[in-house]
Amino acid sequence: MFDDEYKNEQEEHHEDGLTELISSYENAVNDNQSLHLDHEAYEKIIDFYEDNHSSEKALVAAEYACSQYPYSATFMIRKAQLFIDLRRFEEANELLNRAEILDGEDMSIYLTRADLLVWQGKHHEAIKLLKDYIEKAEDEDKEDLYLELADIYEDCERYDRVVFCLKQAMEHNPKSDEALNRLWFCTELLENYDAMVDFYQTLLDKDPYLTMAWFNLAHCYAGLDLWEKSIEAFEFVLAIDDKFEDAYVDCADIYFTLKQYRKAIDLYKNATTLSRVSKEVYFQIGMCYEKLKDYNRARTYYRKSLTIDSDFDEAFFRIGECYKLDKRFVEALSSLERALKLYPDNVFYLKAIAEVHISTNEIDSAINIFEKIIEIDGSKKWQWIDLASTQFSYERKIEAIETLDIALGRFKKFSELLYAKSALLYAMGRKKEALEILQQALSIKFKHHSLIFGLNKQMKYDTDVLHLIEQYKS
């Protein structure tokens, strides 16, 4: 506790000193006074303006620094970097040439020149420049050089080369969190989980306390659907660093995938104690409780996510779904309509609202919504089947068949629509037509045949229907 207080005091002292320095500098500039600051003071001033995204002011400070220290390669390089930010490429190149004469061994010159070449679209020249310099660079500089080279390859979307460079950076610094973070990004893109598992295992054999290596390994196992190994790797992360928030959340996600919702809840809740909670973590806790059919607690956590983002439409949607499952239809409709207001024309929100109307026997409203869904999109077969089945259920049988016939004219692959039509025809007493349509559907795609039983339970007990299905079962 004393260490934390001391650290906070030091940070406050540093901030006070920086504020005073910036104030003195700006007063001198505004009053056209001559400036006489030491090297470190100028670097702090330039850093301050860069951190506050004020390249023009940083450039002015760099010009004062260069004026006072005309033979400083450091300030020439800083000024060149600012010229690059401002797209003043010729001036940047001229400064780098001058800096190279003064101090040709300064690695920053080559990193900045590579950056300049990239901005000019000369990626191949930038790559060659860094490769040539790496050959003669000191070992202590090679990590930064390989990281810069990885940046350029990433800009070219050559992710295999990015991986190579990041691995090389780790040869010179096995604890490089930047390299490890970026390696996972590339692994997700390349999906080369097996190869990276071997890499991380070799790395951890040398140093078993590399937190990010365990973290990345856990994700590789998840990518291979090796869930238990993934959880074990996450447990190593948390054993080394019990404040690693992402490890709690990502491990909880694994438990959620495995339908072990109570374990997931425990981990998500651990994450909420570590820093400012994200709406997604509260939302996931709500999802866990919803899966456990504890709808009241689920709504509580969805509402907590709304305290962070009052326009979080998915939270309103899930609250509405929980109310619907509790058969509290008035509250369900209110929440679902709030979700729809935030995300108009969302067909899933509209469908949920239609289902509430069906539950409260407001059939015209439900049918109108299903028709609106088709007007908005109409590209999914379920949308047409929902409309037809609702029409049929409430004595609009001819309209239901017409809806399916229109849909059959729109889709090239339409076995589900045929199954739906067969079920509706059967319910209308038109068994012969129903069996003909069923046979046609079975010949196209057998695996969807259970759809008829969802729409018409009586067909489960009809021997003619079952015999026909059996003929196509192979």
Protein backbone atom coordinates (compact mmCIF):
# COMPACT_ATOMS: atom_id res chain seq x y z
CA MET A 1 0.00 0.00 0.00
CA PHE A 2 2.88 2.38 0.85
CA ASP A 3 4.47 1.59 -2.53
CA ASP A 4 1.23 2.51 -4.34
CA GLU A 5 0.97 5.81 -2.44
CA TYR A 6 4.60 6.58 -3.19
CA LYS A 7 4.07 5.76 -6.87
CA ASN A 8 1.00 8.02 -7.03
CA GLU A 9 2.95 10.85 -5.38
CA GLN A 10 5.77 10.42 -7.89
CA GLU A 11 3.31 10.49 -10.80
CA GLU A 12 1.62 13.62 -9.45
CA HIS A 13 5.01 15.29 -8.96
CA HIS A 14 5.97 14.37 -12.53
CA GLU A 15 2.69 15.75 -13.92
CA ASP A 16 3.09 18.97 -11.94
CA GLY A 17 6.63 19.38 -13.24
CA LEU A 18 5.55 18.75 -16.83
CA THR A 19 2.66 21.22 -16.54
CA GLU A 20 5.05 23.87 -15.25
CA LEU A 21 7.55 23.14 -18.04
CA ILE A 22 4.88 23.37 -20.79
CA SER A 23 3.50 26.57 -19.28
CA SER A 24 6.97 28.21 -19.13
CA TYR A 25 7.75 27.09 -22.69
CA GLU A 26 4.46 28.40 -24.12
CA ASN A 27 4.81 31.74 -22.30
CA ALA A 28 8.31 32.15 -23.74
CA VAL A 29 7.11 31.30 -27.27
CA ASN A 30 4.09 33.62 -27.06
CA ASP A 31 6.28 36.49 -25.76
CA ASN A 32 9.00 35.82 -28.39
CA GLN A 33 11.55 35.26 -25.64
CA SER A 34 14.75 33.34 -26.31
CA LEU A 35 14.66 29.75 -25.09
CA HIS A 36 17.50 27.96 -23.29
CA LEU A 37 16.31 24.50 -22.25
CA ASP A 38 18.25 21.34 -21.75
CA HIS A 39 18.04 18.39 -24.12
CA GLU A 40 15.66 16.39 -21.92
CA ALA A 41 13.26 19.32 -21.48
CA TYR A 42 12.83 19.68 -25.23
CA GLU A 43 12.18 15.94 -25.60
CA LYS A 44 9.47 16.12 -22.91
CA ILE A 45 7.83 19.09 -24.65
CA ILE A 46 7.84 17.35 -28.04
CA ASP A 47 6.49 14.15 -26.46
CA PHE A 48 3.72 16.11 -24.74
CA TYR A 49 2.45 17.64 -27.97
CA GLU A 50 2.71 14.36 -29.86
CA ASP A 51 0.79 12.57 -27.09
CA ASN A 52 -1.90 15.23 -27.42
CA HIS A 53 -2.05 14.82 -31.22
CA SER A 54 -0.70 18.29 -31.95
CA SER A 55 1.96 17.65 -34.60
CA GLU A 56 2.19 21.32 -35.59
CA LYS A 57 3.03 22.42 -32.02
CA ALA A 58 5.45 19.51 -31.65
CA LEU A 59 7.17 20.65 -34.85
CA VAL A 60 7.57 24.18 -33.50
CA ALA A 61 9.18 22.75 -30.36
CA ALA A 62 11.47 20.56 -32.47
CA GLU A 63 12.52 23.62 -34.50
CA TYR A 64 13.44 25.49 -31.30
CA ALA A 65 15.38 22.41 -30.17
CA CYS A 66 17.24 22.16 -33.49
CA SER A 67 18.04 25.87 -33.32
CA GLN A 68 19.56 25.54 -29.86
CA TYR A 69 21.24 22.17 -30.61
CA PRO A 70 22.13 22.41 -34.34
CA TYR A 71 24.35 19.30 -34.27
CA SER A 72 21.91 17.03 -32.46
CA ALA A 73 20.95 14.08 -34.67
CA THR A 74 18.24 13.24 -32.14
CA PHE A 75 16.30 16.45 -32.75
CA MET A 76 16.79 16.22 -36.51
CA ILE A 77 15.25 12.73 -36.41
CA ARG A 78 12.36 13.93 -34.21
CA LYS A 79 11.74 16.79 -36.63
CA ALA A 80 11.85 14.39 -39.58
CA GLN A 81 9.28 12.14 -37.87
CA LEU A 82 6.99 15.13 -37.47
CA PHE A 83 7.44 16.09 -41.10
CA ILE A 84 6.34 12.54 -42.01
CA ASP A 85 3.24 12.93 -39.83
CA LEU A 86 2.48 16.14 -41.72
CA ARG A 87 3.21 14.46 -45.11
CA ARG A 88 6.17 16.77 -45.79
CA PHE A 89 8.27 13.94 -47.17
CA GLU A 90 11.06 15.82 -49.01
CA GLU A 91 11.89 17.87 -45.92
CA ALA A 92 11.89 14.70 -43.81
CA ASN A 93 14.30 13.00 -46.21
CA GLU A 94 16.65 15.99 -46.18
CA LEU A 95 16.78 16.00 -42.38
CA LEU A 96 17.47 12.26 -42.24
CA ASN A 97 20.37 12.70 -44.65
CA ARG A 98 21.84 15.39 -42.38
CA ALA A 99 21.28 13.24 -39.28
CA GLU A 100 23.01 10.30 -40.95
CA ILE A 101 26.11 12.45 -41.56
CA LEU A 102 26.17 13.43 -37.89
CA ASP A 103 25.48 9.96 -36.45
CA GLY A 104 25.24 7.18 -39.03
CA GLU A 105 24.94 4.50 -36.34
CA ASP A 106 21.71 5.82 -34.79
CA MET A 107 19.06 3.14 -35.32
CA SER A 108 16.28 5.74 -35.21
CA ILE A 109 17.47 7.09 -38.55
CA TYR A 110 16.81 3.75 -40.25
CA LEU A 111 13.49 3.18 -38.52
CA THR A 112 12.33 6.68 -39.49
CA ARG A 113 13.59 6.32 -43.05
CA ALA A 114 11.74 3.00 -43.35
CA ASP A 115 8.60 4.74 -42.12
CA LEU A 116 9.10 7.48 -44.70
CA LEU A 117 9.48 4.93 -47.51
CA VAL A 118 6.30 3.15 -46.43
CA TRP A 119 4.35 6.41 -46.47
CA GLN A 120 5.67 6.97 -49.99
CA GLY A 121 4.42 3.53 -51.01
CA LYS A 122 7.96 2.16 -51.35
CA HIS A 123 7.48 -0.94 -49.20
CA HIS A 124 10.10 -3.06 -50.94
CA GLU A 125 12.75 -0.36 -50.47
CA ALA A 126 11.82 -0.07 -46.79
CA ILE A 127 12.13 -3.85 -46.34
CA LYS A 128 15.54 -3.93 -48.04
CA LEU A 129 16.78 -0.99 -45.97
CA LEU A 130 15.88 -2.71 -42.67
CA LYS A 131 17.18 -6.11 -43.73
CA ASP A 132 20.52 -4.56 -44.68
CA TYR A 133 20.72 -2.67 -41.40
CA ILE A 134 19.79 -5.72 -39.32
CA GLU A 135 22.86 -7.50 -40.65
CA LYS A 136 25.18 -4.96 -39.03
CA ALA A 137 23.04 -3.83 -36.08
CA GLU A 138 23.86 -4.56 -32.45
CA ASP A 139 21.93 -7.47 -30.93
CA GLU A 140 20.22 -5.13 -28.46
CA ASP A 141 18.67 -3.20 -31.38
CA LYS A 142 17.41 -6.16 -33.38
CA GLU A 143 14.13 -6.60 -31.50
CA ASP A 144 12.96 -3.10 -32.50
CA LEU A 145 14.19 -3.57 -36.06
CA TYR A 146 12.32 -6.84 -36.50
CA LEU A 147 9.18 -5.30 -34.99
CA GLU A 148 9.43 -2.44 -37.50
CA LEU A 149 9.95 -4.95 -40.32
CA ALA A 150 6.88 -6.84 -39.11
CA ASP A 151 4.90 -3.57 -39.37
CA ILE A 152 5.85 -3.20 -43.01
CA TYR A 153 5.00 -6.80 -43.89
CA GLU A 154 1.67 -6.35 -42.09
CA ASP A 155 1.00 -3.28 -44.21
CA CYS A 156 1.61 -5.52 -47.25
CA GLU A 157 -0.68 -8.20 -45.73
CA ARG A 158 2.16 -10.73 -45.86
CA TYR A 159 1.29 -12.32 -42.54
CA ASP A 160 3.60 -15.31 -42.90
CA ARG A 161 6.53 -12.86 -43.01
CA VAL A 162 5.03 -10.92 -40.09
CA VAL A 163 5.11 -14.13 -38.03
CA PHE A 164 8.72 -14.78 -39.04
CA CYS A 165 9.78 -11.26 -37.99
CA LEU A 166 7.93 -11.43 -34.69
CA LYS A 167 9.58 -14.76 -33.90
CA GLN A 168 12.96 -13.21 -34.73
CA ALA A 169 12.17 -10.31 -32.39
CA MET A 170 11.51 -12.86 -29.66
CA GLU A 171 14.83 -14.53 -30.33
CA HIS A 172 16.35 -11.30 -29.05
CA ASN A 173 13.75 -10.70 -26.33
CA PRO A 174 11.68 -13.77 -25.38
CA LYS A 175 9.60 -11.59 -23.02
CA SER A 176 8.47 -9.16 -25.71
CA ASP A 177 4.77 -8.62 -24.97
CA GLU A 178 4.38 -6.59 -28.16
CA ALA A 179 5.62 -9.50 -30.29
CA LEU A 180 3.43 -11.98 -28.41
CA ASN A 181 0.35 -9.78 -28.75
CA ARG A 182 0.84 -9.40 -32.47
CA LEU A 183 1.61 -13.07 -32.96
CA TRP A 184 -1.87 -13.96 -31.76
CA PHE A 185 -3.42 -11.52 -34.26
CA CYS A 186 -1.52 -13.25 -37.08
CA THR A 187 -2.40 -16.71 -35.79
CA GLU A 188 -6.10 -15.82 -35.93
CA LEU A 189 -5.71 -14.68 -39.53
CA LEU A 190 -3.60 -17.61 -40.70
CA GLU A 191 -5.31 -20.23 -38.48
CA ASN A 192 -1.92 -21.98 -38.13
CA TYR A 193 -2.77 -23.16 -34.62
CA ASP A 194 -0.81 -26.42 -34.71
CA ALA A 195 2.46 -24.75 -35.69
CA MET A 196 2.03 -22.04 -33.07
CA VAL A 197 1.24 -24.58 -30.33
CA ASP A 198 4.67 -26.09 -30.96
CA PHE A 199 6.27 -22.64 -30.93
CA TYR A 200 4.71 -21.62 -27.60
CA GLN A 201 5.47 -24.95 -25.98
CA THR A 202 9.14 -24.59 -26.95
CA LEU A 203 9.11 -21.04 -25.61
CA LEU A 204 7.53 -22.10 -22.32
CA ASP A 205 9.96 -24.97 -21.89
CA LYS A 206 12.67 -22.30 -21.68
CA ASP A 207 10.67 -19.93 -19.46
CA PRO A 208 7.42 -21.23 -17.92
CA TYR A 209 6.51 -17.79 -16.55
CA LEU A 210 5.76 -16.07 -19.86
CA THR A 211 2.19 -14.95 -19.25
CA MET A 212 1.40 -13.88 -22.80
CA ALA A 213 2.81 -17.14 -24.18
CA TRP A 214 0.40 -19.13 -21.99
CA PHE A 215 -2.41 -16.76 -23.04
CA ASN A 216 -1.69 -17.26 -26.73
CA LEU A 217 -1.30 -21.00 -26.26
CA ALA A 218 -4.74 -21.12 -24.64
CA HIS A 219 -6.22 -19.42 -27.70
CA CYS A 220 -4.43 -21.81 -30.05
CA TYR A 221 -5.93 -24.79 -28.21
CA ALA A 222 -9.35 -23.11 -28.45
CA GLY A 223 -8.79 -22.68 -32.19
CA LEU A 224 -8.21 -26.44 -32.38
CA ASP A 225 -11.34 -27.12 -30.25
CA LEU A 226 -9.11 -28.57 -27.52
CA TRP A 227 -11.19 -26.95 -24.83
CA GLU A 228 -9.78 -28.67 -21.75
CA LYS A 229 -6.21 -27.86 -22.78
CA SER A 230 -7.27 -24.28 -23.45
CA ILE A 231 -8.74 -23.97 -19.95
CA GLU A 232 -5.59 -25.47 -18.44
CA ALA A 233 -3.43 -22.91 -20.25
CA PHE A 234 -5.68 -20.07 -19.03
CA GLU A 235 -5.29 -21.42 -15.49
CA PHE A 236 -1.50 -21.11 -15.85
CA VAL A 237 -1.98 -17.48 -16.97
CA LEU A 238 -4.02 -16.71 -13.86
CA ALA A 239 -1.62 -18.59 -11.60
CA ILE A 240 1.16 -16.29 -12.81
CA ASP A 241 -0.95 -13.11 -12.96
CA ASP A 242 -4.26 -13.16 -11.08
CA LYS A 243 -5.04 -9.63 -12.35
CA PHE A 244 -5.09 -10.65 -16.03
CA GLU A 245 -8.62 -9.54 -16.90
CA ASP A 246 -8.71 -10.87 -20.48
CA ALA A 247 -7.73 -14.34 -19.27
CA TYR A 248 -10.76 -14.44 -16.94
CA VAL A 249 -13.09 -13.30 -19.72
CA ASP A 250 -11.68 -15.55 -22.44
CA CYS A 251 -11.62 -18.60 -20.17
CA ALA A 252 -15.20 -17.82 -19.19
CA ASP A 253 -16.07 -17.75 -22.90
CA ILE A 254 -14.70 -21.30 -23.19
CA TYR A 255 -16.85 -22.49 -20.28
CA PHE A 256 -19.84 -20.78 -21.94
CA THR A 257 -19.12 -22.70 -25.16
CA LEU A 258 -19.00 -25.91 -23.10
CA LYS A 259 -22.36 -24.98 -21.48
CA GLN A 260 -20.72 -24.87 -18.05
CA TYR A 261 -22.49 -21.65 -17.22
CA ARG A 262 -21.86 -21.47 -13.47
CA LYS A 263 -18.11 -21.73 -13.95
CA ALA A 264 -18.35 -19.09 -16.65
CA ILE A 265 -20.26 -16.78 -14.29
CA ASP A 266 -17.57 -17.08 -11.61
CA LEU A 267 -14.84 -16.09 -14.05
CA TYR A 268 -16.81 -13.23 -15.60
CA LYS A 269 -17.53 -11.90 -12.11
CA ASN A 270 -13.81 -12.09 -11.24
CA ALA A 271 -13.15 -9.93 -14.28
CA THR A 272 -15.62 -7.30 -13.04
CA THR A 273 -13.51 -6.74 -9.90
CA LEU A 274 -10.34 -5.82 -11.78
CA SER A 275 -11.10 -2.68 -13.75
CA ARG A 276 -13.87 -0.66 -15.33
CA VAL A 277 -16.33 -3.31 -16.45
CA SER A 278 -17.30 -3.54 -20.11
CA LYS A 279 -20.91 -3.87 -21.14
CA GLU A 280 -20.00 -7.15 -22.89
CA VAL A 281 -18.95 -8.83 -19.62
CA TYR A 282 -22.22 -7.93 -17.88
CA PHE A 283 -24.08 -9.04 -20.98
CA GLN A 284 -22.31 -12.43 -20.97
CA ILE A 285 -23.17 -12.94 -17.29
CA GLY A 286 -26.77 -12.24 -18.25
CA MET A 287 -26.54 -14.80 -21.05
CA CYS A 288 -25.27 -17.42 -18.59
CA TYR A 289 -28.17 -16.83 -16.22
CA GLU A 290 -30.58 -16.92 -19.13
CA LYS A 291 -29.18 -20.31 -20.19
CA LEU A 292 -29.69 -21.46 -16.59
CA LYS A 293 -33.31 -20.24 -16.87
CA ASP A 294 -32.76 -17.75 -14.06
CA TYR A 295 -34.46 -15.01 -16.04
CA ASN A 296 -34.70 -12.50 -13.21
CA ARG A 297 -30.93 -12.48 -12.62
CA ALA A 298 -30.35 -12.47 -16.35
CA ARG A 299 -32.39 -9.28 -16.68
CA THR A 300 -30.45 -7.75 -13.78
CA TYR A 301 -27.14 -8.17 -15.59
CA TYR A 302 -28.52 -7.06 -18.95
CA ARG A 303 -29.65 -3.89 -17.19
CA LYS A 304 -26.17 -3.45 -15.73
CA SER A 305 -24.80 -3.49 -19.27
CA LEU A 306 -27.30 -0.73 -20.10
CA THR A 307 -25.87 1.45 -17.30
CA ILE A 308 -22.65 1.47 -19.33
CA ASP A 309 -24.29 1.90 -22.73
CA SER A 310 -27.90 3.05 -22.66
CA ASP A 311 -28.17 2.41 -26.42
CA PHE A 312 -27.13 -1.26 -26.19
CA ASP A 313 -29.93 -2.71 -28.31
CA GLU A 314 -28.96 -6.36 -27.76
CA ALA A 315 -29.43 -5.94 -24.01
CA PHE A 316 -32.98 -4.64 -24.51
CA PHE A 317 -33.62 -7.55 -26.87
CA ARG A 318 -32.46 -10.16 -24.36
CA ILE A 319 -34.45 -8.52 -21.55
CA GLY A 320 -37.50 -8.79 -23.79
CA GLU A 321 -36.75 -12.44 -24.55
CA CYS A 322 -36.43 -13.19 -20.81
CA TYR A 323 -39.77 -11.54 -20.12
CA LYS A 324 -41.26 -13.55 -22.98
CA LEU A 325 -39.94 -16.79 -21.49
CA ASP A 326 -41.51 -15.75 -18.18
CA LYS A 327 -44.78 -15.14 -20.09
CA ARG A 328 -44.74 -11.49 -19.04
CA PHE A 329 -45.73 -10.31 -22.48
CA VAL A 330 -46.45 -6.63 -21.77
CA GLU A 331 -42.93 -6.10 -20.37
CA ALA A 332 -41.50 -8.24 -23.17
CA LEU A 333 -43.10 -6.11 -25.85
CA SER A 334 -41.88 -2.89 -24.20
CA SER A 335 -38.24 -4.04 -24.12
CA LEU A 336 -38.31 -5.53 -27.61
CA GLU A 337 -39.75 -2.32 -29.05
CA ARG A 338 -36.94 -0.33 -27.37
CA ALA A 339 -34.40 -2.64 -29.04
CA LEU A 340 -36.14 -2.15 -32.39
CA LYS A 341 -36.17 1.62 -31.95
CA LEU A 342 -32.37 1.54 -31.56
CA TYR A 343 -31.92 -0.84 -34.49
CA PRO A 344 -34.86 -0.30 -36.86
CA ASP A 345 -35.64 -3.03 -39.38
CA ASN A 346 -33.71 -5.69 -37.44
CA VAL A 347 -35.58 -8.79 -38.62
CA PHE A 348 -34.76 -10.80 -35.49
CA TYR A 349 -36.20 -8.11 -33.25
CA LEU A 350 -39.27 -7.93 -35.47
CA LYS A 351 -39.69 -11.70 -35.33
CA ALA A 352 -39.52 -11.65 -31.52
CA ILE A 353 -42.20 -8.94 -31.42
CA ALA A 354 -44.37 -10.99 -33.79
CA GLU A 355 -44.02 -13.99 -31.48
CA VAL A 356 -45.23 -11.89 -28.55
CA HIS A 357 -48.27 -10.85 -30.60
CA ILE A 358 -48.96 -14.51 -31.37
CA SER A 359 -48.76 -15.32 -27.65
CA THR A 360 -51.29 -12.59 -26.88
CA ASN A 361 -53.51 -13.69 -29.80
CA GLU A 362 -52.94 -10.48 -31.79
CA ILE A 363 -52.66 -12.41 -35.04
CA ASP A 364 -53.18 -9.56 -37.49
CA SER A 365 -50.30 -7.67 -35.87
CA ALA A 366 -48.07 -10.75 -36.05
CA ILE A 367 -48.87 -11.37 -39.71
CA ASN A 368 -48.26 -7.71 -40.54
CA ILE A 369 -44.83 -7.94 -38.92
CA PHE A 370 -43.90 -11.15 -40.77
CA GLU A 371 -44.94 -9.42 -44.02
CA LYS A 372 -42.76 -6.44 -43.06
CA ILE A 373 -39.80 -8.77 -42.43
CA ILE A 374 -40.15 -10.08 -45.99
CA GLU A 375 -40.40 -6.53 -47.34
CA ILE A 376 -37.18 -5.59 -45.52
CA ASP A 377 -35.20 -8.65 -46.51
CA GLY A 378 -37.02 -11.79 -47.64
CA SER A 379 -33.75 -13.56 -48.42
CA LYS A 380 -34.17 -16.29 -45.79
CA LYS A 381 -36.55 -19.20 -46.21
CA TRP A 382 -37.54 -19.16 -42.53
CA GLN A 383 -39.05 -15.72 -43.05
CA TRP A 384 -41.53 -17.10 -45.59
CA ILE A 385 -42.21 -20.23 -43.54
CA ASP A 386 -42.92 -18.12 -40.44
CA LEU A 387 -45.44 -16.03 -42.38
CA ALA A 388 -47.09 -19.06 -43.99
CA SER A 389 -47.32 -21.07 -40.77
CA THR A 390 -48.83 -18.10 -38.92
CA GLN A 391 -51.33 -17.52 -41.70
CA PHE A 392 -52.22 -21.20 -41.71
CA SER A 393 -52.57 -21.47 -37.94
CA TYR A 394 -55.21 -18.78 -37.93
CA GLU A 395 -57.42 -20.05 -40.73
CA ARG A 396 -55.75 -18.24 -43.61
CA LYS A 397 -54.89 -21.49 -45.31
CA ILE A 398 -55.14 -20.40 -48.93
CA GLU A 399 -52.97 -17.34 -48.18
CA ALA A 400 -50.42 -19.62 -46.52
CA ILE A 401 -50.12 -21.85 -49.59
CA GLU A 402 -49.88 -18.78 -51.84
CA THR A 403 -47.05 -17.41 -49.64
CA LEU A 404 -45.10 -20.66 -50.02
CA ASP A 405 -45.72 -20.75 -53.78
CA ILE A 406 -44.31 -17.21 -54.12
CA ALA A 407 -41.28 -18.25 -52.08
CA LEU A 408 -40.77 -21.39 -54.18
CA GLY A 409 -40.51 -19.14 -57.22
CA ARG A 410 -37.76 -17.06 -55.58
CA PHE A 411 -35.35 -19.69 -54.22
CA LYS A 412 -33.17 -22.10 -56.17
CA LYS A 413 -32.72 -24.40 -53.18
CA PHE A 414 -36.13 -24.83 -51.68
CA SER A 415 -36.51 -28.23 -49.99
CA GLU A 416 -37.51 -26.58 -46.67
CA LEU A 417 -40.32 -24.72 -48.45
CA LEU A 418 -41.57 -27.96 -49.98
CA TYR A 419 -41.58 -29.65 -46.57
CA ALA A 420 -43.56 -26.72 -45.18
CA LYS A 421 -46.04 -26.88 -48.05
CA SER A 422 -46.44 -30.64 -47.58
CA ALA A 423 -47.23 -30.18 -43.88
CA LEU A 424 -49.80 -27.47 -44.61
CA LEU A 425 -51.48 -29.44 -47.40
CA TYR A 426 -51.71 -32.46 -45.12
CA ALA A 427 -53.39 -30.33 -42.43
CA MET A 428 -55.90 -29.14 -45.05
CA GLY A 429 -56.85 -32.77 -45.73
CA ARG A 430 -55.11 -32.83 -49.12
CA LYS A 431 -53.03 -35.87 -48.24
CA LYS A 432 -52.31 -37.07 -51.78
CA GLU A 433 -50.85 -33.68 -52.76
CA ALA A 434 -48.99 -33.54 -49.47
CA LEU A 435 -47.32 -36.90 -50.12
CA GLU A 436 -46.36 -35.88 -53.67
CA ILE A 437 -44.75 -32.69 -52.39
CA LEU A 438 -43.08 -34.61 -49.55
CA GLN A 439 -41.57 -37.08 -52.02
CA GLN A 440 -40.21 -34.21 -54.10
CA ALA A 441 -38.66 -32.62 -51.01
CA LEU A 442 -37.11 -35.90 -49.83
CA SER A 443 -35.48 -36.42 -53.20
CA ILE A 444 -33.87 -32.95 -52.99
CA LYS A 445 -32.64 -32.92 -49.38
CA PHE A 446 -33.57 -35.65 -46.92
CA LYS A 447 -32.05 -34.10 -43.81
CA HIS A 448 -34.66 -31.32 -43.54
CA HIS A 449 -37.60 -33.75 -43.39
CA SER A 450 -38.16 -33.29 -39.62
CA LEU A 451 -39.51 -29.82 -40.44
CA ILE A 452 -42.89 -31.40 -41.34
CA PHE A 453 -43.28 -32.76 -37.82
CA GLY A 454 -42.64 -29.35 -36.29
CA LEU A 455 -45.39 -27.86 -38.44
CA ASN A 456 -47.78 -30.80 -38.29
CA LYS A 457 -47.45 -33.32 -35.47
CA GLN A 458 -50.12 -35.61 -36.94
CA MET A 459 -47.75 -36.63 -39.73
CA LYS A 460 -45.59 -38.44 -37.15
CA TYR A 461 -48.29 -41.08 -36.82
CA ASP A 462 -49.20 -41.56 -40.48
CA THR A 463 -47.75 -44.85 -41.77
CA ASP A 464 -47.80 -43.61 -45.38
CA VAL A 465 -45.69 -40.60 -44.41
CA LEU A 466 -43.27 -42.71 -42.37
CA HIS A 467 -42.99 -45.34 -45.11
CA LEU A 468 -42.16 -42.66 -47.68
CA ILE A 469 -39.49 -41.17 -45.42
CA GLU A 470 -38.01 -44.62 -44.81
CA GLN A 471 -37.62 -45.15 -48.58
CA TYR A 472 -35.29 -42.13 -48.80
CA LYS A 473 -33.37 -42.91 -45.64
CA SER A 474 -29.91 -44.02 -46.67
